[in-house]
Amino acid sequence: MEQERDLIERTLAGSSAAYAELYERTAGELYKLIRLLVGNTEDAQDVMQETYLQAHRNLHRFDRDRAWRPWLTGIALRQVKAHRRKRWLQAQRIGRAVQYNRRTEEADFSNESVERLDRGEWIERIERLPYKLQQIVILKYLNDYAQEEIAEILNIPLGTVKSRVHAALERLRKNEPKLSQQAQSESVESPHLKTGGRYS
C-alpha cells in the first residue's frame, strides 16, 4: 500500500512512468474481473482503457488514506455498468434487445481460482445470475475481497452485500448443492472463500 501511495503521489506530480507502474500492478487482476462481466475480449479491453483513463482524470480526488485497488475496482464496475447500458440501448434500437452471447469456451483465463470453478461450467452458471449477484460472486470468490471491501467498492450497505451473497449462493445451490453448500459454510466461517487468493 505504501508503494502504491508513493506511485500515486508521483503520478500527481506528473510522472507518466509512475502511472504506468500502477497499471502494471493492477491490470491483470482487473482485466479478469472486467472480462467476466462484459463477456468478450474486445469489449473488456475497451472498458479497461476507459477505466484507467477515468482513474487518471480523478486521481486528484482519491483519498490517499484509502486502499488504491478497491477504489480502482469501483471505477471499473461503473464503467462495466455504463458499457452494458450502452450495448442494451444499441440492441434495443435495432429491435433485438437480447443478452449478448458470452462464449466461455473462448475465455483466456489461466488463474487457479477460475480453474477450480471448472472453467466453462461454473463460469456459465455465474453468468446466468442477475448482474448484481454476478458482481458479488466475482468480487468475493474470484477476487477474494472481504464483504466490507465489497460494500465500499459498490457503495452499498454491508447488510446488502451479505443478502446478495446469500441470494447468489441459493441460486447456485439449485444447480450444484455440494459445492454451493460448501461455499456458503465457508462464507459464514471466514470473510474469504479459499480459492487461492487474489489474482495478483
Protein backbone atom coordinates (compact mmCIF):
# COMPACT_ATOMS: atom_id res chain seq x y z
CA MET A 1 0.00 0.00 0.00
CA GLU A 2 2.86 2.36 0.77
CA GLN A 3 4.40 1.70 -2.62
CA GLU A 4 1.10 2.40 -4.36
CA ARG A 5 0.67 5.60 -2.37
CA ASP A 6 4.13 6.73 -3.48
CA LEU A 7 3.30 5.92 -7.11
CA ILE A 8 0.09 7.92 -6.83
CA GLU A 9 1.96 10.91 -5.43
CA ARG A 10 4.49 10.71 -8.25
CA THR A 11 1.69 10.40 -10.82
CA LEU A 12 0.01 13.51 -9.44
CA ALA A 13 3.37 15.26 -9.71
CA GLY A 14 3.40 14.47 -13.44
CA SER A 15 5.21 11.15 -13.75
CA SER A 16 3.74 9.02 -16.53
CA ALA A 17 6.16 6.23 -15.60
CA ALA A 18 4.64 6.05 -12.11
CA TYR A 19 1.13 5.64 -13.52
CA ALA A 20 2.41 3.01 -15.94
CA GLU A 21 3.71 1.08 -12.94
CA LEU A 22 0.34 1.40 -11.19
CA TYR A 23 -1.22 -0.03 -14.34
CA GLU A 24 1.19 -2.96 -14.43
CA ARG A 25 0.49 -3.76 -10.79
CA THR A 26 -3.29 -3.93 -11.22
CA ALA A 27 -4.13 -4.58 -14.88
CA GLY A 28 -4.01 -8.38 -14.79
CA GLU A 29 -6.42 -8.75 -11.89
CA LEU A 30 -8.73 -6.03 -13.14
CA TYR A 31 -8.89 -7.40 -16.68
CA LYS A 32 -10.09 -10.80 -15.45
CA LEU A 33 -12.85 -9.14 -13.44
CA ILE A 34 -13.98 -6.99 -16.39
CA ARG A 35 -13.72 -9.88 -18.86
CA LEU A 36 -16.04 -12.00 -16.75
CA LEU A 37 -18.61 -9.22 -16.53
CA VAL A 38 -18.67 -7.98 -20.14
CA GLY A 39 -18.28 -11.35 -21.84
CA ASN A 40 -15.72 -10.82 -24.61
CA THR A 41 -12.13 -9.71 -25.05
CA GLU A 42 -12.69 -6.70 -27.31
CA ASP A 43 -15.26 -5.06 -25.03
CA ALA A 44 -13.16 -5.88 -21.97
CA GLN A 45 -10.19 -4.06 -23.47
CA ASP A 46 -12.36 -1.02 -24.21
CA VAL A 47 -13.67 -0.96 -20.64
CA MET A 48 -10.14 -1.41 -19.29
CA GLN A 49 -8.90 1.57 -21.26
CA GLU A 50 -11.76 3.78 -20.11
CA THR A 51 -11.30 2.65 -16.50
CA TYR A 52 -7.66 3.73 -16.36
CA LEU A 53 -8.42 6.97 -18.19
CA GLN A 54 -11.13 7.80 -15.64
CA ALA A 55 -8.88 6.80 -12.76
CA HIS A 56 -6.13 9.10 -14.02
CA ARG A 57 -8.53 12.00 -14.50
CA ASN A 58 -9.95 11.62 -10.99
CA LEU A 59 -6.75 10.68 -9.19
CA HIS A 60 -6.59 14.08 -7.50
CA ARG A 61 -9.86 13.18 -5.74
CA PHE A 62 -8.53 9.90 -4.39
CA ASP A 63 -8.17 9.75 -0.61
CA ARG A 64 -4.61 8.53 -0.08
CA ASP A 65 -5.59 7.07 3.29
CA ARG A 66 -7.74 4.52 1.46
CA ALA A 67 -6.60 1.44 -0.46
CA TRP A 68 -5.99 2.01 -4.18
CA ARG A 69 -7.32 -1.28 -5.59
CA PRO A 70 -10.89 -1.12 -4.19
CA TRP A 71 -11.17 2.47 -5.46
CA LEU A 72 -9.98 1.42 -8.91
CA THR A 73 -12.30 -1.59 -8.91
CA GLY A 74 -15.23 0.70 -8.15
CA ILE A 75 -14.41 2.79 -11.23
CA ALA A 76 -14.15 -0.39 -13.31
CA LEU A 77 -17.58 -1.59 -12.19
CA ARG A 78 -19.14 1.75 -13.05
CA GLN A 79 -17.57 1.54 -16.50
CA VAL A 80 -18.89 -2.01 -16.92
CA LYS A 81 -22.37 -0.80 -15.99
CA ALA A 82 -22.15 2.06 -18.49
CA HIS A 83 -20.91 -0.33 -21.18
CA ARG A 84 -23.76 -2.77 -20.58
CA ARG A 85 -26.28 0.07 -20.70
CA LYS A 86 -24.83 1.33 -23.99
CA ARG A 87 -24.95 -2.15 -25.52
CA TRP A 88 -28.52 -2.67 -24.40
CA LEU A 89 -29.64 0.63 -25.91
CA GLN A 90 -27.88 -0.21 -29.18
CA ALA A 91 -29.62 -3.58 -29.28
CA GLN A 92 -32.99 -2.03 -28.48
CA ARG A 93 -32.67 0.46 -31.31
CA ILE A 94 -32.32 -2.30 -33.86
CA GLY A 95 -35.09 -4.42 -32.37
CA ARG A 96 -33.02 -7.10 -30.68
CA ALA A 97 -32.59 -6.19 -27.03
CA VAL A 98 -31.12 -9.52 -26.04
CA GLN A 99 -28.30 -10.54 -23.81
CA TYR A 100 -25.20 -10.91 -25.93
CA ASN A 101 -23.75 -14.34 -26.34
CA ARG A 102 -20.90 -14.96 -23.96
CA ARG A 103 -18.64 -17.72 -25.27
CA THR A 104 -16.99 -19.05 -22.16
CA GLU A 105 -15.10 -21.65 -24.16
CA GLU A 106 -13.08 -18.79 -25.65
CA ALA A 107 -12.12 -17.36 -22.25
CA ASP A 108 -8.40 -16.97 -21.84
CA PHE A 109 -8.20 -17.17 -18.06
CA SER A 110 -5.25 -19.05 -16.59
CA ASN A 111 -5.56 -18.26 -12.89
CA GLU A 112 -6.04 -21.02 -10.35
CA SER A 113 -9.33 -19.70 -9.00
CA VAL A 114 -11.11 -19.96 -12.34
CA GLU A 115 -9.60 -23.42 -12.90
CA ARG A 116 -11.17 -24.54 -9.62
CA LEU A 117 -14.54 -23.37 -10.89
CA ASP A 118 -14.25 -25.96 -13.68
CA ARG A 119 -13.72 -23.22 -16.27
CA GLY A 120 -16.71 -23.25 -18.60
CA GLU A 121 -19.36 -24.93 -16.44
CA TRP A 122 -19.11 -22.68 -13.39
CA ILE A 123 -18.46 -19.51 -15.36
CA GLU A 124 -21.67 -20.21 -17.27
CA ARG A 125 -23.59 -20.66 -14.02
CA ILE A 126 -22.25 -17.40 -12.62
CA GLU A 127 -23.14 -15.59 -15.84
CA ARG A 128 -26.75 -16.76 -15.54
CA LEU A 129 -27.06 -14.88 -12.27
CA PRO A 130 -28.56 -11.36 -12.28
CA TYR A 131 -25.85 -8.76 -12.77
CA LYS A 132 -25.94 -7.54 -9.15
CA LEU A 133 -25.33 -11.08 -7.93
CA GLN A 134 -22.63 -11.68 -10.54
CA GLN A 135 -20.69 -8.72 -9.16
CA ILE A 136 -20.86 -10.08 -5.64
CA VAL A 137 -19.76 -13.61 -6.57
CA ILE A 138 -16.87 -12.42 -8.72
CA LEU A 139 -15.60 -9.88 -6.21
CA LYS A 140 -15.89 -12.23 -3.23
CA TYR A 141 -14.99 -15.64 -4.57
CA LEU A 142 -12.76 -14.86 -7.56
CA ASN A 143 -11.09 -11.64 -6.42
CA ASP A 144 -11.18 -12.58 -2.72
CA TYR A 145 -12.46 -9.23 -1.45
CA ALA A 146 -13.90 -9.15 2.06
CA GLN A 147 -17.57 -8.23 2.37
CA GLU A 148 -16.61 -4.89 3.94
CA GLU A 149 -14.43 -4.11 0.91
CA ILE A 150 -17.22 -5.06 -1.48
CA ALA A 151 -19.57 -2.70 0.34
CA GLU A 152 -17.04 0.10 -0.16
CA ILE A 153 -16.42 -0.75 -3.82
CA LEU A 154 -20.11 -0.89 -4.71
CA ASN A 155 -21.11 1.90 -2.31
CA ILE A 156 -23.85 -0.20 -0.74
CA PRO A 157 -24.56 -1.19 2.90
CA LEU A 158 -22.75 -4.21 4.31
CA GLY A 159 -26.12 -5.83 5.00
CA THR A 160 -26.97 -5.60 1.30
CA VAL A 161 -23.70 -7.33 0.42
CA LYS A 162 -24.48 -10.16 2.84
CA SER A 163 -28.00 -10.60 1.49
CA ARG A 164 -26.74 -10.69 -2.09
CA VAL A 165 -24.09 -13.27 -1.19
CA HIS A 166 -26.82 -15.40 0.35
CA ALA A 167 -29.11 -14.95 -2.66
CA ALA A 168 -26.32 -15.84 -5.12
CA LEU A 169 -25.39 -18.99 -3.21
CA GLU A 170 -29.05 -20.01 -3.01
CA ARG A 171 -29.34 -19.77 -6.80
CA LEU A 172 -26.10 -21.65 -7.40
CA ARG A 173 -27.14 -24.31 -4.88
CA LYS A 174 -30.10 -25.26 -7.07
CA ASN A 175 -27.66 -26.39 -9.75
CA GLU A 176 -24.88 -27.82 -7.60
CA PRO A 177 -25.80 -28.49 -3.94
CA LYS A 178 -22.44 -29.88 -2.84
CA LEU A 179 -20.18 -27.01 -3.93
CA SER A 180 -22.61 -24.24 -3.09
CA GLN A 181 -23.27 -25.57 0.40
CA GLN A 182 -19.54 -25.72 0.98
CA ALA A 183 -19.17 -22.15 -0.27
CA GLN A 184 -21.99 -20.97 1.98
CA SER A 185 -20.44 -22.68 5.00
CA GLU A 186 -17.05 -21.09 4.34
CA SER A 187 -18.61 -17.67 3.79
CA VAL A 188 -20.03 -17.85 7.32
CA GLU A 189 -16.81 -19.11 8.90
CA SER A 190 -14.43 -16.80 7.06
CA PRO A 191 -14.58 -13.48 5.19
CA HIS A 192 -12.85 -15.15 2.23
CA LEU A 193 -13.53 -18.33 0.31
CA LYS A 194 -10.29 -20.29 -0.01
CA THR A 195 -9.77 -20.06 -3.74
CA GLY A 196 -6.09 -19.25 -3.79
CA GLY A 197 -6.29 -15.53 -3.03
CA ARG A 198 -6.37 -12.57 -5.35
CA TYR A 199 -5.08 -12.80 -8.87
CA SER A 200 -2.12 -10.58 -8.12
